[in-house]
C-alpha atoms as a PDB file:
ATOM      1  CA  UNK A   1       0.000   0.000   0.000  1.00  0.00           C
ATOM      2  CA  UNK A   2       1.571   3.361  -0.986  1.00  0.00           C
ATOM      3  CA  UNK A   3       2.170   5.757   1.897  1.00  0.00           C
ATOM      4  CA  UNK A   4      -0.217   8.336   0.489  1.00  0.00           C
ATOM      5  CA  UNK A   5      -3.017   5.796  -0.004  1.00  0.00           C
ATOM      6  CA  UNK A   6      -5.528   4.737   2.632  1.00  0.00           C
ATOM      7  CA  UNK A   7      -7.050   1.314   2.072  1.00  0.00           C
ATOM      8  CA  UNK A   8      -6.878  -1.019  -0.895  1.00  0.00           C
ATOM      9  CA  UNK A   9      -8.398  -0.468  -4.310  1.00  0.00           C
ATOM     10  CA  UNK A  10      -9.239  -4.152  -4.672  1.00  0.00           C
ATOM     11  CA  UNK A  11      -8.675  -7.638  -3.252  1.00  0.00           C
ATOM     12  CA  UNK A  12      -5.908  -8.141  -5.810  1.00  0.00           C
ATOM     13  CA  UNK A  13      -3.990  -5.174  -4.402  1.00  0.00           C
ATOM     14  CA  UNK A  14      -4.287  -6.564  -0.882  1.00  0.00           C
ATOM     15  CA  UNK A  15      -3.076 -10.003  -2.004  1.00  0.00           C
ATOM     16  CA  UNK A  16      -0.103  -8.442  -3.798  1.00  0.00           C
ATOM     17  CA  UNK A  17       0.859  -6.702  -0.550  1.00  0.00           C
ATOM     18  CA  UNK A  18       0.522  -9.972   1.399  1.00  0.00           C
ATOM     19  CA  UNK A  19       2.860 -11.704  -1.039  1.00  0.00           C
ATOM     20  CA  UNK A  20       5.459  -8.952  -0.757  1.00  0.00           C
ATOM     21  CA  UNK A  21       5.281  -8.845   3.050  1.00  0.00           C
ATOM     22  CA  UNK A  22       5.892 -12.594   3.164  1.00  0.00           C
ATOM     23  CA  UNK A  23       8.993 -12.132   1.018  1.00  0.00           C
ATOM     24  CA  UNK A  24       7.648 -13.651  -2.192  1.00  0.00           C
ATOM     25  CA  UNK A  25      10.057 -12.869  -5.015  1.00  0.00           C
ATOM     26  CA  UNK A  26      13.097 -13.009  -2.723  1.00  0.00           C
ATOM     27  CA  UNK A  27      12.292 -16.505  -1.441  1.00  0.00           C
ATOM     28  CA  UNK A  28       9.868 -19.196  -2.481  1.00  0.00           C
ATOM     29  CA  UNK A  29       6.616 -18.794  -0.526  1.00  0.00           C
ATOM     30  CA  UNK A  30       4.564 -21.989  -0.671  1.00  0.00           C
ATOM     31  CA  UNK A  31       1.168 -20.310  -0.901  1.00  0.00           C
ATOM     32  CA  UNK A  32      -1.107 -20.269  -3.941  1.00  0.00           C
ATOM     33  CA  UNK A  33      -3.731 -17.683  -4.868  1.00  0.00           C
ATOM     34  CA  UNK A  34      -6.399 -19.824  -3.224  1.00  0.00           C
ATOM     35  CA  UNK A  35      -4.583 -19.639   0.111  1.00  0.00           C
ATOM     36  CA  UNK A  36      -4.483 -15.836  -0.011  1.00  0.00           C
ATOM     37  CA  UNK A  37      -8.196 -15.745  -0.863  1.00  0.00           C
ATOM     38  CA  UNK A  38      -8.903 -17.911   2.188  1.00  0.00           C
ATOM     39  CA  UNK A  39      -6.836 -15.559   4.366  1.00  0.00           C
ATOM     40  CA  UNK A  40      -8.728 -12.489   3.148  1.00  0.00           C
ATOM     41  CA  UNK A  41     -12.122 -14.226   3.488  1.00  0.00           C
ATOM     42  CA  UNK A  42     -11.250 -15.277   7.041  1.00  0.00           C
ATOM     43  CA  UNK A  43     -10.163 -11.733   7.947  1.00  0.00           C
ATOM     44  CA  UNK A  44     -13.427 -10.258   6.639  1.00  0.00           C
ATOM     45  CA  UNK A  45     -15.507 -12.923   8.407  1.00  0.00           C
ATOM     46  CA  UNK A  46     -13.812 -12.287  11.776  1.00  0.00           C
ATOM     47  CA  UNK A  47     -14.089  -8.520  11.345  1.00  0.00           C
ATOM     48  CA  UNK A  48     -17.814  -8.797  10.613  1.00  0.00           C
ATOM     49  CA  UNK A  49     -18.248 -11.018  13.628  1.00  0.00           C
ATOM     50  CA  UNK A  50     -16.478  -8.686  16.063  1.00  0.00           C
ATOM     51  CA  UNK A  51     -16.572  -5.094  14.804  1.00  0.00           C
ATOM     52  CA  UNK A  52     -19.472  -2.655  14.719  1.00  0.00           C
ATOM     53  CA  UNK A  53     -17.806  -1.060  11.705  1.00  0.00           C
ATOM     54  CA  UNK A  54     -18.793  -4.005   9.530  1.00  0.00           C
ATOM     55  CA  UNK A  55     -22.506  -3.103   9.498  1.00  0.00           C
ATOM     56  CA  UNK A  56     -24.424   0.003   8.524  1.00  0.00           C
ATOM     57  CA  UNK A  57     -27.964   1.251   8.984  1.00  0.00           C
ATOM     58  CA  UNK A  58     -29.911   1.773   5.775  1.00  0.00           C
ATOM     59  CA  UNK A  59     -33.338   1.769   4.160  1.00  0.00           C
ATOM     60  CA  UNK A  60     -34.430  -0.609   1.402  1.00  0.00           C
ATOM     61  CA  UNK A  61     -37.703  -0.549  -0.516  1.00  0.00           C
ATOM     62  CA  UNK A  62     -39.848  -3.317  -1.947  1.00  0.00           C
ATOM     63  CA  UNK A  63     -43.429  -3.775  -3.080  1.00  0.00           C
ATOM     64  CA  UNK A  64     -45.821  -6.106  -1.333  1.00  0.00           C
ATOM     65  CA  UNK A  65     -47.865  -8.542  -3.423  1.00  0.00           C
ATOM     66  CA  UNK A  66     -51.492  -9.495  -2.926  1.00  0.00           C
ATOM     67  CA  UNK A  67     -51.959 -12.519  -0.641  1.00  0.00           C
ATOM     68  CA  UNK A  68     -48.167 -12.858  -0.161  1.00  0.00           C
ATOM     69  CA  UNK A  69     -46.838 -12.477   3.392  1.00  0.00           C
ATOM     70  CA  UNK A  70     -43.304 -13.917   3.091  1.00  0.00           C
ATOM     71  CA  UNK A  71     -40.493 -12.120   1.261  1.00  0.00           C
ATOM     72  CA  UNK A  72     -36.790 -12.837   0.773  1.00  0.00           C
ATOM     73  CA  UNK A  73     -34.394  -9.973   1.446  1.00  0.00           C
ATOM     74  CA  UNK A  74     -30.800  -9.674   0.139  1.00  0.00           C
ATOM     75  CA  UNK A  75     -28.070 -11.739   1.796  1.00  0.00           C
ATOM     76  CA  UNK A  76     -26.344  -8.592   3.080  1.00  0.00           C
ATOM     77  CA  UNK A  77     -29.268  -7.802   5.416  1.00  0.00           C
ATOM     78  CA  UNK A  78     -28.564  -8.908   9.003  1.00  0.00           C
ATOM     79  CA  UNK A  79     -31.355  -7.329  11.038  1.00  0.00           C
ATOM     80  CA  UNK A  80     -34.725  -5.785  10.199  1.00  0.00           C
ATOM     81  CA  UNK A  81     -35.792  -2.959  12.487  1.00  0.00           C
ATOM     82  CA  UNK A  82     -39.071  -1.522  11.189  1.00  0.00           C
ATOM     83  CA  UNK A  83     -41.454  -1.720   8.240  1.00  0.00           C
ATOM     84  CA  UNK A  84     -42.841   1.672   7.240  1.00  0.00           C
ATOM     85  CA  UNK A  85     -45.997   2.070   5.166  1.00  0.00           C
ATOM     86  CA  UNK A  86     -46.720   5.087   2.991  1.00  0.00           C
ATOM     87  CA  UNK A  87     -50.490   4.687   2.989  1.00  0.00           C
ATOM     88  CA  UNK A  88     -52.514   3.932   6.125  1.00  0.00           C
ATOM     89  CA  UNK A  89     -56.166   3.763   7.112  1.00  0.00           C
ATOM     90  CA  UNK A  90     -57.289   0.877   4.896  1.00  0.00           C
ATOM     91  CA  UNK A  91     -55.885  -2.336   3.496  1.00  0.00           C
ATOM     92  CA  UNK A  92     -57.159  -1.807  -0.028  1.00  0.00           C
ATOM     93  CA  UNK A  93     -54.575   0.525  -1.457  1.00  0.00           C
ATOM     94  CA  UNK A  94     -56.185   3.761  -0.305  1.00  0.00           C
ATOM     95  CA  UNK A  95     -56.217   5.521   3.011  1.00  0.00           C
ATOM     96  CA  UNK A  96     -54.422   8.526   4.386  1.00  0.00           C
ATOM     97  CA  UNK A  97     -51.077   9.415   2.873  1.00  0.00           C
ATOM     98  CA  UNK A  98     -48.468   8.838   5.580  1.00  0.00           C
ATOM     99  CA  UNK A  99     -44.865   9.234   4.471  1.00  0.00           C
ATOM    100  CA  UNK A 100     -42.397   8.885   7.389  1.00  0.00           C
ATOM    101  CA  UNK A 101     -39.687  10.398   5.179  1.00  0.00           C
ATOM    102  CA  UNK A 102     -41.632  13.466   4.073  1.00  0.00           C
ATOM    103  CA  UNK A 103     -39.007  15.894   5.360  1.00  0.00           C
ATOM    104  CA  UNK A 104     -40.155  18.803   3.209  1.00  0.00           C
ATOM    105  CA  UNK A 105     -43.581  19.114   4.882  1.00  0.00           C
ATOM    106  CA  UNK A 106     -42.143  18.759   8.372  1.00  0.00           C
ATOM    107  CA  UNK A 107     -39.425  21.321   7.770  1.00  0.00           C
ATOM    108  CA  UNK A 108     -41.995  23.882   6.629  1.00  0.00           C
ATOM    109  CA  UNK A 109     -42.662  24.603  10.295  1.00  0.00           C
ATOM    110  CA  UNK A 110     -38.972  25.165  10.915  1.00  0.00           C
ATOM    111  CA  UNK A 111     -38.310  27.342   7.879  1.00  0.00           C
ATOM    112  CA  UNK A 112     -41.342  29.577   8.472  1.00  0.00           C
ATOM    113  CA  UNK A 113     -41.462  29.494  12.242  1.00  0.00           C
ATOM    114  CA  UNK A 114     -42.519  33.118  12.673  1.00  0.00           C
ATOM    115  CA  UNK A 115     -45.477  32.809  10.306  1.00  0.00           C
ATOM    116  CA  UNK A 116     -47.343  29.633  11.229  1.00  0.00           C
ATOM    117  CA  UNK A 117     -46.592  28.740  14.812  1.00  0.00           C
ATOM    118  CA  UNK A 118     -42.989  27.553  14.954  1.00  0.00           C
ATOM    119  CA  UNK A 119     -41.854  24.683  17.164  1.00  0.00           C
ATOM    120  CA  UNK A 120     -45.137  24.354  19.064  1.00  0.00           C
ATOM    121  CA  UNK A 121     -47.046  23.643  15.854  1.00  0.00           C
ATOM    122  CA  UNK A 122     -44.328  21.308  14.640  1.00  0.00           C
ATOM    123  CA  UNK A 123     -44.459  19.359  17.906  1.00  0.00           C
ATOM    124  CA  UNK A 124     -48.264  19.109  17.739  1.00  0.00           C
ATOM    125  CA  UNK A 125     -48.109  17.909  14.147  1.00  0.00           C
ATOM    126  CA  UNK A 126     -45.443  15.314  14.993  1.00  0.00           C
ATOM    127  CA  UNK A 127     -47.574  13.939  17.837  1.00  0.00           C
ATOM    128  CA  UNK A 128     -50.585  13.871  15.523  1.00  0.00           C
ATOM    129  CA  UNK A 129     -48.693  11.765  12.989  1.00  0.00           C
ATOM    130  CA  UNK A 130     -47.517   9.392  15.716  1.00  0.00           C
ATOM    131  CA  UNK A 131     -51.043   8.922  17.048  1.00  0.00           C
ATOM    132  CA  UNK A 132     -52.516   8.375  13.593  1.00  0.00           C
ATOM    133  CA  UNK A 133     -49.771   5.859  12.890  1.00  0.00           C
ATOM    134  CA  UNK A 134     -50.546   3.812  15.984  1.00  0.00           C
ATOM    135  CA  UNK A 135     -54.305   3.818  15.338  1.00  0.00           C
ATOM    136  CA  UNK A 136     -54.295   3.030  11.635  1.00  0.00           C
ATOM    137  CA  UNK A 137     -51.195   0.894  11.324  1.00  0.00           C
ATOM    138  CA  UNK A 138     -48.387   2.987   9.827  1.00  0.00           C
ATOM    139  CA  UNK A 139     -46.034   0.038  10.360  1.00  0.00           C
ATOM    140  CA  UNK A 140     -46.297  -3.701   9.786  1.00  0.00           C
ATOM    141  CA  UNK A 141     -45.541  -6.236  12.499  1.00  0.00           C
ATOM    142  CA  UNK A 142     -43.186  -8.932  11.230  1.00  0.00           C
ATOM    143  CA  UNK A 143     -40.975 -11.941  11.964  1.00  0.00           C
ATOM    144  CA  UNK A 144     -37.413 -11.904  10.622  1.00  0.00           C
ATOM    145  CA  UNK A 145     -35.169 -14.957  10.127  1.00  0.00           C
ATOM    146  CA  UNK A 146     -31.601 -13.782   9.521  1.00  0.00           C
ATOM    147  CA  UNK A 147     -30.405 -17.271   8.531  1.00  0.00           C
ATOM    148  CA  UNK A 148     -32.882 -17.805   5.705  1.00  0.00           C
ATOM    149  CA  UNK A 149     -33.347 -14.044   5.035  1.00  0.00           C
ATOM    150  CA  UNK A 150     -37.110 -14.583   5.167  1.00  0.00           C
ATOM    151  CA  UNK A 151     -39.324 -11.685   6.252  1.00  0.00           C
ATOM    152  CA  UNK A 152     -42.865 -12.633   7.261  1.00  0.00           C
ATOM    153  CA  UNK A 153     -45.437  -9.861   7.554  1.00  0.00           C
ATOM    154  CA  UNK A 154     -48.047 -10.589  10.233  1.00  0.00           C
ATOM    155  CA  UNK A 155     -50.995  -9.339   8.267  1.00  0.00           C
ATOM    156  CA  UNK A 156     -53.140 -10.451   5.353  1.00  0.00           C
ATOM    157  CA  UNK A 157     -51.828  -8.493   2.357  1.00  0.00           C
ATOM    158  CA  UNK A 158     -54.706  -7.552   0.036  1.00  0.00           C
ATOM    159  CA  UNK A 159     -53.033  -5.092  -2.320  1.00  0.00           C
ATOM    160  CA  UNK A 160     -49.702  -4.009  -3.746  1.00  0.00           C
ATOM    161  CA  UNK A 161     -47.966  -1.381  -1.669  1.00  0.00           C
ATOM    162  CA  UNK A 162     -44.500   0.182  -1.566  1.00  0.00           C
ATOM    163  CA  UNK A 163     -42.971  -0.129   1.899  1.00  0.00           C
ATOM    164  CA  UNK A 164     -39.680   1.070   3.368  1.00  0.00           C
ATOM    165  CA  UNK A 165     -37.682  -1.371   5.477  1.00  0.00           C
ATOM    166  CA  UNK A 166     -35.224  -0.111   8.076  1.00  0.00           C
ATOM    167  CA  UNK A 167     -32.359  -2.617   8.205  1.00  0.00           C
ATOM    168  CA  UNK A 168     -28.819  -3.237   9.372  1.00  0.00           C
ATOM    169  CA  UNK A 169     -26.746  -4.728   6.562  1.00  0.00           C
ATOM    170  CA  UNK A 170     -23.132  -5.788   6.044  1.00  0.00           C
ATOM    171  CA  UNK A 171     -20.818  -3.199   4.541  1.00  0.00           C
ATOM    172  CA  UNK A 172     -19.674  -4.570   1.133  1.00  0.00           C
ATOM    173  CA  UNK A 173     -16.154  -5.958   0.856  1.00  0.00           C
ATOM    174  CA  UNK A 174     -15.123  -3.255  -1.623  1.00  0.00           C
ATOM    175  CA  UNK A 175     -16.008  -0.582   0.956  1.00  0.00           C
ATOM    176  CA  UNK A 176     -14.281  -2.366   3.843  1.00  0.00           C
ATOM    177  CA  UNK A 177     -11.052  -2.601   1.858  1.00  0.00           C
ATOM    178  CA  UNK A 178     -11.016   1.180   1.376  1.00  0.00           C
ATOM    179  CA  UNK A 179     -12.236   2.076   4.869  1.00  0.00           C
ATOM    180  CA  UNK A 180      -9.761   4.138   6.865  1.00  0.00           C
ATOM    181  CA  UNK A 181     -10.306   1.973   9.957  1.00  0.00           C
ATOM    182  CA  UNK A 182     -11.011  -1.485   8.569  1.00  0.00           C
ATOM    183  CA  UNK A 183      -8.417  -1.754   5.779  1.00  0.00           C
ATOM    184  CA  UNK A 184      -5.307  -1.844   7.968  1.00  0.00           C
ATOM    185  CA  UNK A 185      -6.912  -4.360  10.352  1.00  0.00           C
ATOM    186  CA  UNK A 186      -7.958  -6.616   7.482  1.00  0.00           C
ATOM    187  CA  UNK A 187      -4.483  -6.488   5.933  1.00  0.00           C
ATOM    188  CA  UNK A 188      -2.812  -7.347   9.236  1.00  0.00           C
ATOM    189  CA  UNK A 189      -5.208 -10.203  10.023  1.00  0.00           C
ATOM    190  CA  UNK A 190      -4.951 -11.646   6.499  1.00  0.00           C
ATOM    191  CA  UNK A 191      -1.147 -11.557   6.822  1.00  0.00           C
ATOM    192  CA  UNK A 192      -1.301 -13.397  10.148  1.00  0.00           C
ATOM    193  CA  UNK A 193      -3.680 -15.967   8.647  1.00  0.00           C
ATOM    194  CA  UNK A 194      -1.305 -16.449   5.700  1.00  0.00           C
ATOM    195  CA  UNK A 195       1.592 -16.957   8.111  1.00  0.00           C
ATOM    196  CA  UNK A 196      -0.397 -19.580   9.994  1.00  0.00           C
ATOM    197  CA  UNK A 197      -1.206 -21.552   6.836  1.00  0.00           C
ATOM    198  CA  UNK A 198       2.419 -21.329   5.733  1.00  0.00           C
ATOM    199  CA  UNK A 199       3.588 -22.459   9.160  1.00  0.00           C
ATOM    200  CA  UNK A 200       1.072 -25.312   9.166  1.00  0.00           C
ATOM    201  CA  UNK A 201       2.495 -26.597   5.885  1.00  0.00           C
ATOM    202  CA  UNK A 202       6.124 -26.250   6.964  1.00  0.00           C
ATOM    203  CA  UNK A 203       5.523 -27.904  10.343  1.00  0.00           C
ATOM    204  CA  UNK A 204       4.690 -31.146   8.504  1.00  0.00           C
ATOM    205  CA  UNK A 205       8.431 -31.504   8.034  1.00  0.00           C
ATOM    206  CA  UNK A 206       9.409 -31.208  11.697  1.00  0.00           C
ATOM    207  CA  UNK A 207      12.535 -33.295  11.190  1.00  0.00           C
ATOM    208  CA  UNK A 208      13.698 -31.031   8.385  1.00  0.00           C
ATOM    209  CA  UNK A 209      14.345 -31.491   4.701  1.00  0.00           C
ATOM    210  CA  UNK A 210      17.382 -33.336   3.375  1.00  0.00           C
ATOM    211  CA  UNK A 211      20.101 -31.039   2.066  1.00  0.00           C
ATOM    212  CA  UNK A 212      23.729 -31.152   0.949  1.00  0.00           C
ATOM    213  CA  UNK A 213      24.960 -30.070   4.384  1.00  0.00           C
ATOM    214  CA  UNK A 214      22.463 -32.108   6.365  1.00  0.00           C
ATOM    215  CA  UNK A 215      18.821 -31.637   7.346  1.00  0.00           C
ATOM    216  CA  UNK A 216      17.361 -28.193   6.685  1.00  0.00           C
ATOM    217  CA  UNK A 217      15.147 -27.067   9.542  1.00  0.00           C
ATOM    218  CA  UNK A 218      11.981 -25.151   8.609  1.00  0.00           C
ATOM    219  CA  UNK A 219      10.356 -22.432  10.705  1.00  0.00           C
ATOM    220  CA  UNK A 220       6.844 -23.843  10.693  1.00  0.00           C
ATOM    221  CA  UNK A 221       6.225 -23.791  14.459  1.00  0.00           C
ATOM    222  CA  UNK A 222       7.720 -20.311  14.758  1.00  0.00           C
ATOM    223  CA  UNK A 223       5.419 -18.964  12.064  1.00  0.00           C
ATOM    224  CA  UNK A 224       2.383 -20.556  13.673  1.00  0.00           C
ATOM    225  CA  UNK A 225       3.240 -19.085  17.061  1.00  0.00           C
ATOM    226  CA  UNK A 226       3.751 -15.598  15.616  1.00  0.00           C
ATOM    227  CA  UNK A 227       0.513 -15.820  13.647  1.00  0.00           C
ATOM    228  CA  UNK A 228      -1.549 -16.906  16.653  1.00  0.00           C
ATOM    229  CA  UNK A 229      -0.168 -14.069  18.775  1.00  0.00           C
ATOM    230  CA  UNK A 230      -0.830 -11.506  16.054  1.00  0.00           C
ATOM    231  CA  UNK A 231      -4.399 -12.694  15.465  1.00  0.00           C
ATOM    232  CA  UNK A 232      -5.169 -12.593  19.189  1.00  0.00           C
ATOM    233  CA  UNK A 233      -3.725  -9.082  19.481  1.00  0.00           C
ATOM    234  CA  UNK A 234      -5.880  -7.904  16.561  1.00  0.00           C
ATOM    235  CA  UNK A 235      -9.019  -9.394  18.119  1.00  0.00           C
ATOM    236  CA  UNK A 236      -8.180  -7.769  21.451  1.00  0.00           C
ATOM    237  CA  UNK A 237      -7.695  -4.484  19.594  1.00  0.00           C
ATOM    238  CA  UNK A 238     -11.321  -4.575  18.421  1.00  0.00           C
ATOM    239  CA  UNK A 239     -12.583  -5.371  21.933  1.00  0.00           C
ATOM    240  CA  UNK A 240     -10.519  -2.455  23.273  1.00  0.00           C
ATOM    241  CA  UNK A 241     -11.854  -0.132  20.554  1.00  0.00           C
ATOM    242  CA  UNK A 242      -8.350   0.405  19.164  1.00  0.00           C
ATOM    243  CA  UNK A 243      -9.366  -0.108  15.564  1.00  0.00           C
ATOM    244  CA  UNK A 244     -11.318   3.124  15.558  1.00  0.00           C
ATOM    245  CA  UNK A 245     -14.936   2.332  14.682  1.00  0.00           C
ATOM    246  CA  UNK A 246     -16.453   3.020  18.108  1.00  0.00           C
ATOM    247  CA  UNK A 247     -15.195   6.369  19.435  1.00  0.00           C
ATOM    248  CA  UNK A 248     -13.977   6.416  22.997  1.00  0.00           C
ATOM    249  CA  UNK A 249     -15.530   9.592  24.398  1.00  0.00           C
ATOM    250  CA  UNK A 250     -14.327   9.492  27.977  1.00  0.00           C
ATOM    251  CA  UNK A 251     -12.841   7.181  30.594  1.00  0.00           C
ATOM    252  CA  UNK A 252     -13.746   7.200  34.293  1.00  0.00           C
ATOM    253  CA  UNK A 253     -11.095   5.892  36.663  1.00  0.00           C
END
């Protein structure tokens, strides 16, 4: 990675760096492209398991179908928070228009506060929308299965309707590799994983390889020990918020 560059442009760039850091080109490194892919995949999987920086909050949209209550969401979706409806009051496609993202109408009270009531009117209107939503069903109740990615709406759907789904989804790999916080962690963990695989292979020849001057001892166990220590330190770094995704505001004691 060049000094003036943060992150990696692609997986290929990361793998090239791993090869160079292991000394490939100066010595023969017994790892193939598939081994480097495994190391990168493992690093991303561990990062997504441990770090809050691997997920993001977003909104996705889809259209309900008549008499269909189960829907399959993309694999990237991990948690479903809320299901917002745009039309409420009936279940036949009509009803009161209720757009939870209609910022323009809400902000009218802020932009023209001196003319039509200001914050008091805005607060009254916000409470009105909340009450109407509870009475007439501005949101759907649902059951979410994150393993099968199946979303089941707990209501008989009688018409097509566009709904907004508040979700937490995985940050794509291409974004993680360029992230100012995640990229360095991923590169370090993938390097440690590569070392471990290399050490595992070399440790198969514990007695050494035959050579002209006698048995040649390999550093398999040393590589494995270094790799395990490095991986544990990187995991501890996430728990201690050293990798930067959860800001440490203050410490007491």
